[in-house]
Amino acid sequence: MLSGLVRTASRAIGGLTLDLSSGAARAVEAAQAAISGEVIGPATLKVAVVILSDESGRPLLDPDALTPALDLAGAVLTAESGIRVRVTGIQVITEPAPARALDPRANKRLLLDDVLGRTEFYRRHSAPVDLGTAVVGAPITVIVVRNIAGRVTGCSLGISADWVIVQASLFEREQPHTYDETVLVHELGHALNLPHHRNRANLMFPASSPPGAIRGTTLQSWQTGVLQSNRHVIPGISV
């Protein structure tokens, strides 16, 4: 337990340090560009996707079903914060996943499971990130699971993890009461340090209830600043 706490704390501190240094560097670049009159092009966020397979080795989702949600993530982040999403790959894990990976707990309980080492299956199949040597632009991995405990369809551990989980039913159009394209990009927002927001029109509004009460996709200027300063985001170049 103690070693798990130390490991999780180290990840969070390492991530925070990189975010702060990245944000400071972006601020200097922006100031220099403003002085010189240069225009900075769009930033880039790399996203990897992992689809788990159930106990019989059957994939939880057809990779093509993810296209609308990934397209929305790209459209929202580009329009609202000037960040392009580049999908580095969609991988189906043929190895049957353990039950705790297929049907994880959420929020504080997921964090506890991470401290206890119960999320190792996710880390093993995520895009590799070494906070000791990582440079700006390390990818975030979206992991498709079968079912998340409680009334939750997506979850992120924020700065302490470079992966998020989303429930397979979110991407199945034939299930209108669970299909929601906003959850994936909402969880990416959490992974990039955005907290919840009280405005239902905002991407970070905590609740989204398809088909009739899906959250909005707007962002405020301060949220854009947080996103642009994150270590996962590759800054745009002067054009």
Protein backbone atom coordinates (compact mmCIF):
# COMPACT_ATOMS: atom_id res chain seq x y z
CA MET A 1 0.00 0.00 0.00
CA LEU A 2 2.76 2.45 0.99
CA SER A 3 4.80 1.72 -2.13
CA GLY A 4 1.66 2.26 -4.22
CA LEU A 5 1.04 5.63 -2.59
CA VAL A 6 4.63 6.66 -3.24
CA ARG A 7 4.40 5.52 -6.86
CA THR A 8 1.13 7.41 -7.48
CA ALA A 9 2.41 10.53 -5.71
CA SER A 10 5.60 10.43 -7.76
CA ARG A 11 3.60 10.26 -10.97
CA ALA A 12 1.45 13.20 -9.91
CA ILE A 13 4.43 15.31 -8.81
CA GLY A 14 6.33 14.44 -11.98
CA GLY A 15 3.33 15.33 -14.11
CA LEU A 16 2.77 18.60 -12.27
CA THR A 17 6.43 19.56 -12.64
CA LEU A 18 6.32 18.90 -16.37
CA ASP A 19 3.04 20.80 -16.74
CA LEU A 20 4.42 23.83 -14.90
CA SER A 21 7.62 23.89 -16.91
CA SER A 22 5.67 23.39 -20.13
CA GLY A 23 3.26 26.20 -19.23
CA ALA A 24 6.13 28.58 -18.44
CA ALA A 25 7.81 27.80 -21.75
CA ARG A 26 4.55 28.37 -23.66
CA ALA A 27 4.07 31.74 -21.94
CA VAL A 28 7.55 32.87 -22.99
CA GLU A 29 6.94 31.68 -26.57
CA ALA A 30 3.60 33.49 -26.72
CA ALA A 31 5.16 36.72 -25.43
CA GLN A 32 7.99 36.53 -27.94
CA ALA A 33 5.55 35.85 -30.77
CA ALA A 34 3.42 38.83 -29.74
CA ILE A 35 6.46 41.11 -29.74
CA SER A 36 7.71 39.89 -33.12
CA GLY A 37 4.27 39.78 -34.72
CA GLU A 38 4.55 36.08 -35.50
CA VAL A 39 1.49 33.83 -35.61
CA ILE A 40 1.65 30.51 -33.76
CA GLY A 41 0.00 27.58 -35.54
CA PRO A 42 -2.28 25.00 -33.90
CA ALA A 43 -0.98 22.72 -31.16
CA THR A 44 -1.30 18.91 -31.31
CA LEU A 45 -2.52 16.26 -28.87
CA LYS A 46 -1.60 12.64 -29.59
CA VAL A 47 -4.21 10.07 -28.60
CA ALA A 48 -3.81 6.30 -28.61
CA VAL A 49 -6.82 3.99 -28.27
CA VAL A 50 -6.90 0.52 -26.71
CA ILE A 51 -9.95 -1.76 -26.97
CA LEU A 52 -10.05 -4.60 -24.45
CA SER A 53 -11.35 -8.12 -25.12
CA ASP A 54 -13.65 -10.01 -22.75
CA GLU A 55 -13.01 -13.32 -20.98
CA SER A 56 -13.56 -15.28 -24.20
CA GLY A 57 -11.19 -13.07 -26.19
CA ARG A 58 -13.96 -11.18 -27.99
CA PRO A 59 -13.23 -7.46 -28.55
CA LEU A 60 -15.61 -5.15 -26.70
CA LEU A 61 -16.04 -2.86 -29.69
CA ASP A 62 -15.47 -2.55 -33.42
CA PRO A 63 -12.72 0.07 -33.89
CA ASP A 64 -14.81 1.87 -36.54
CA ALA A 65 -17.44 2.65 -33.88
CA LEU A 66 -14.99 5.07 -32.26
CA THR A 67 -14.69 7.32 -35.32
CA PRO A 68 -17.54 9.76 -34.48
CA ALA A 69 -16.31 10.38 -30.92
CA LEU A 70 -12.70 10.83 -32.04
CA ASP A 71 -13.83 13.18 -34.81
CA LEU A 72 -15.83 15.19 -32.27
CA ALA A 73 -12.82 15.37 -29.95
CA GLY A 74 -10.75 16.77 -32.78
CA ALA A 75 -13.41 19.26 -33.83
CA VAL A 76 -14.08 20.51 -30.29
CA LEU A 77 -10.45 20.89 -29.23
CA THR A 78 -9.52 22.56 -32.51
CA ALA A 79 -12.42 25.03 -32.42
CA GLU A 80 -12.32 25.78 -28.70
CA SER A 81 -8.61 25.68 -27.89
CA GLY A 82 -6.60 25.49 -31.11
CA ILE A 83 -5.45 21.92 -30.42
CA ARG A 84 -5.56 19.26 -33.12
CA VAL A 85 -6.09 15.63 -32.13
CA ARG A 86 -3.82 13.11 -33.84
CA VAL A 87 -4.86 9.50 -33.31
CA THR A 88 -1.65 7.48 -33.23
CA GLY A 89 -3.42 4.13 -33.45
CA ILE A 90 -6.37 2.00 -32.37
CA GLN A 91 -5.23 -1.31 -30.90
CA VAL A 92 -7.44 -4.28 -30.04
CA ILE A 93 -5.94 -6.30 -27.18
CA THR A 94 -6.67 -9.94 -28.01
CA GLU A 95 -5.47 -11.13 -24.61
CA PRO A 96 -8.58 -11.65 -22.44
CA ALA A 97 -8.66 -8.87 -19.86
CA PRO A 98 -9.14 -9.63 -16.16
CA ALA A 99 -12.53 -8.82 -14.64
CA ARG A 100 -11.25 -5.80 -12.69
CA ALA A 101 -9.96 -4.30 -15.97
CA LEU A 102 -13.15 -5.08 -17.90
CA ASP A 103 -15.45 -3.75 -15.17
CA PRO A 104 -13.47 -1.15 -13.20
CA ARG A 105 -14.55 1.04 -10.33
CA ALA A 106 -14.60 4.82 -10.75
CA ASN A 107 -13.29 8.05 -9.26
CA LYS A 108 -11.77 7.66 -5.76
CA ARG A 109 -12.13 3.89 -5.89
CA LEU A 110 -10.31 3.75 -9.21
CA LEU A 111 -7.57 5.87 -7.66
CA LEU A 112 -7.37 3.42 -4.75
CA ASP A 113 -7.13 0.53 -7.20
CA ASP A 114 -4.33 2.38 -8.98
CA VAL A 115 -2.48 2.84 -5.68
CA LEU A 116 -2.91 -0.88 -4.98
CA GLY A 117 -1.54 -1.83 -8.39
CA ARG A 118 -4.86 -3.12 -9.72
CA THR A 119 -4.69 -1.01 -12.88
CA GLU A 120 -1.47 -2.60 -14.11
CA PHE A 121 -3.28 -4.13 -17.11
CA TYR A 122 -4.12 -0.62 -18.31
CA ARG A 123 -0.60 0.65 -17.84
CA ARG A 124 0.89 -2.38 -19.56
CA HIS A 125 -1.15 -1.78 -22.70
CA SER A 126 -1.02 2.03 -22.72
CA ALA A 127 1.31 4.08 -24.88
CA PRO A 128 4.58 4.19 -22.89
CA VAL A 129 5.31 7.37 -20.94
CA ASP A 130 8.34 7.82 -18.70
CA LEU A 131 7.93 10.89 -16.51
CA GLY A 132 11.62 10.75 -15.73
CA THR A 133 12.61 11.33 -19.35
CA ALA A 134 9.36 12.33 -21.03
CA VAL A 135 9.32 15.28 -23.36
CA VAL A 136 6.38 17.41 -24.36
CA GLY A 137 3.82 15.53 -26.43
CA ALA A 138 3.52 12.14 -24.72
CA PRO A 139 0.23 10.55 -25.84
CA ILE A 140 -2.88 9.98 -23.75
CA THR A 141 -4.34 6.47 -24.05
CA VAL A 142 -8.11 5.98 -24.20
CA ILE A 143 -9.01 2.49 -22.91
CA VAL A 144 -12.39 1.00 -23.86
CA VAL A 145 -13.79 -1.12 -21.01
CA ARG A 146 -17.01 -3.11 -20.67
CA ASN A 147 -18.71 -1.46 -17.72
CA ILE A 148 -17.75 1.14 -15.12
CA ALA A 149 -19.29 0.80 -11.67
CA GLY A 150 -22.08 3.17 -10.72
CA ARG A 151 -23.68 5.71 -13.02
CA VAL A 152 -20.37 6.51 -14.68
CA THR A 153 -19.40 5.93 -18.31
CA GLY A 154 -15.93 7.48 -18.33
CA CYS A 155 -13.21 8.21 -15.79
CA SER A 156 -9.79 9.85 -15.59
CA LEU A 157 -7.26 9.96 -12.77
CA GLY A 158 -6.11 13.36 -13.99
CA ILE A 159 -2.49 14.29 -13.56
CA SER A 160 -1.51 10.96 -11.96
CA ALA A 161 -2.26 8.86 -15.06
CA ASP A 162 -1.68 9.15 -18.79
CA TRP A 163 -4.74 7.02 -19.62
CA VAL A 164 -8.51 7.33 -19.29
CA ILE A 165 -11.26 4.71 -19.39
CA VAL A 166 -14.51 4.87 -21.35
CA GLN A 167 -17.40 2.43 -21.48
CA ALA A 168 -18.01 0.51 -24.73
CA SER A 169 -21.75 1.28 -24.77
CA LEU A 170 -20.94 4.97 -25.35
CA PHE A 171 -20.08 4.18 -28.95
CA GLU A 172 -22.93 1.84 -29.88
CA ARG A 173 -25.46 3.83 -31.89
CA GLU A 174 -28.11 1.15 -31.45
CA GLN A 175 -28.18 2.03 -27.73
CA PRO A 176 -29.55 5.61 -27.77
CA HIS A 177 -29.77 5.81 -23.98
CA THR A 178 -26.02 5.29 -23.57
CA TYR A 179 -24.57 6.58 -26.88
CA ASP A 180 -22.70 9.80 -26.13
CA GLU A 181 -19.88 11.19 -28.26
CA THR A 182 -18.95 13.86 -25.67
CA VAL A 183 -17.62 11.53 -22.96
CA LEU A 184 -14.34 10.70 -24.70
CA VAL A 185 -13.32 14.33 -25.18
CA HIS A 186 -14.63 15.19 -21.68
CA GLU A 187 -12.27 12.60 -20.18
CA LEU A 188 -9.41 13.90 -22.31
CA GLY A 189 -10.15 17.28 -20.73
CA HIS A 190 -9.71 15.77 -17.27
CA ALA A 191 -6.46 14.08 -18.33
CA LEU A 192 -5.27 17.53 -19.42
CA ASN A 193 -6.03 18.93 -15.92
CA LEU A 194 -9.48 20.46 -16.48
CA PRO A 195 -11.89 20.22 -13.50
CA HIS A 196 -15.67 20.01 -13.76
CA HIS A 197 -17.65 23.13 -14.71
CA ARG A 198 -21.14 24.15 -13.54
CA ASN A 199 -22.42 25.32 -16.95
CA ARG A 200 -24.25 22.56 -18.86
CA ALA A 201 -23.08 24.10 -22.15
CA ASN A 202 -19.46 23.55 -21.10
CA LEU A 203 -17.55 20.44 -22.14
CA MET A 204 -16.56 19.82 -18.53
CA PHE A 205 -20.11 19.77 -17.14
CA PRO A 206 -20.15 16.60 -15.00
CA ALA A 207 -23.41 15.06 -16.20
CA SER A 208 -24.48 13.97 -19.66
CA SER A 209 -27.66 11.95 -20.12
CA PRO A 210 -28.40 10.70 -23.63
CA PRO A 211 -30.37 10.98 -25.70
CA GLY A 212 -32.09 14.18 -24.50
CA ALA A 213 -29.67 15.91 -22.11
CA ILE A 214 -26.16 15.66 -23.52
CA ARG A 215 -23.61 18.19 -22.24
CA GLY A 216 -22.35 21.01 -24.45
CA THR A 217 -18.87 21.32 -25.92
CA THR A 218 -17.81 24.92 -25.25
CA LEU A 219 -14.72 25.97 -23.30
CA GLN A 220 -13.80 29.20 -21.55
CA SER A 221 -10.56 31.07 -22.17
CA TRP A 222 -8.99 29.96 -18.88
CA GLN A 223 -9.72 26.34 -19.78
CA THR A 224 -7.99 26.84 -23.11
CA GLY A 225 -4.97 28.18 -21.23
CA VAL A 226 -4.85 25.08 -19.04
CA LEU A 227 -5.06 22.80 -22.08
CA GLN A 228 -2.39 24.66 -24.01
CA SER A 229 0.00 24.48 -21.03
CA ASN A 230 -0.27 20.73 -20.55
CA ARG A 231 2.76 18.53 -21.07
CA HIS A 232 0.83 16.24 -23.42
CA VAL A 233 0.16 19.06 -25.90
CA ILE A 234 2.76 19.73 -28.58
CA PRO A 235 2.92 23.51 -29.09
CA GLY A 236 2.29 25.01 -32.48
CA ILE A 237 5.14 26.53 -34.44
CA SER A 238 5.45 30.10 -35.64
CA VAL A 239 4.12 30.61 -39.15
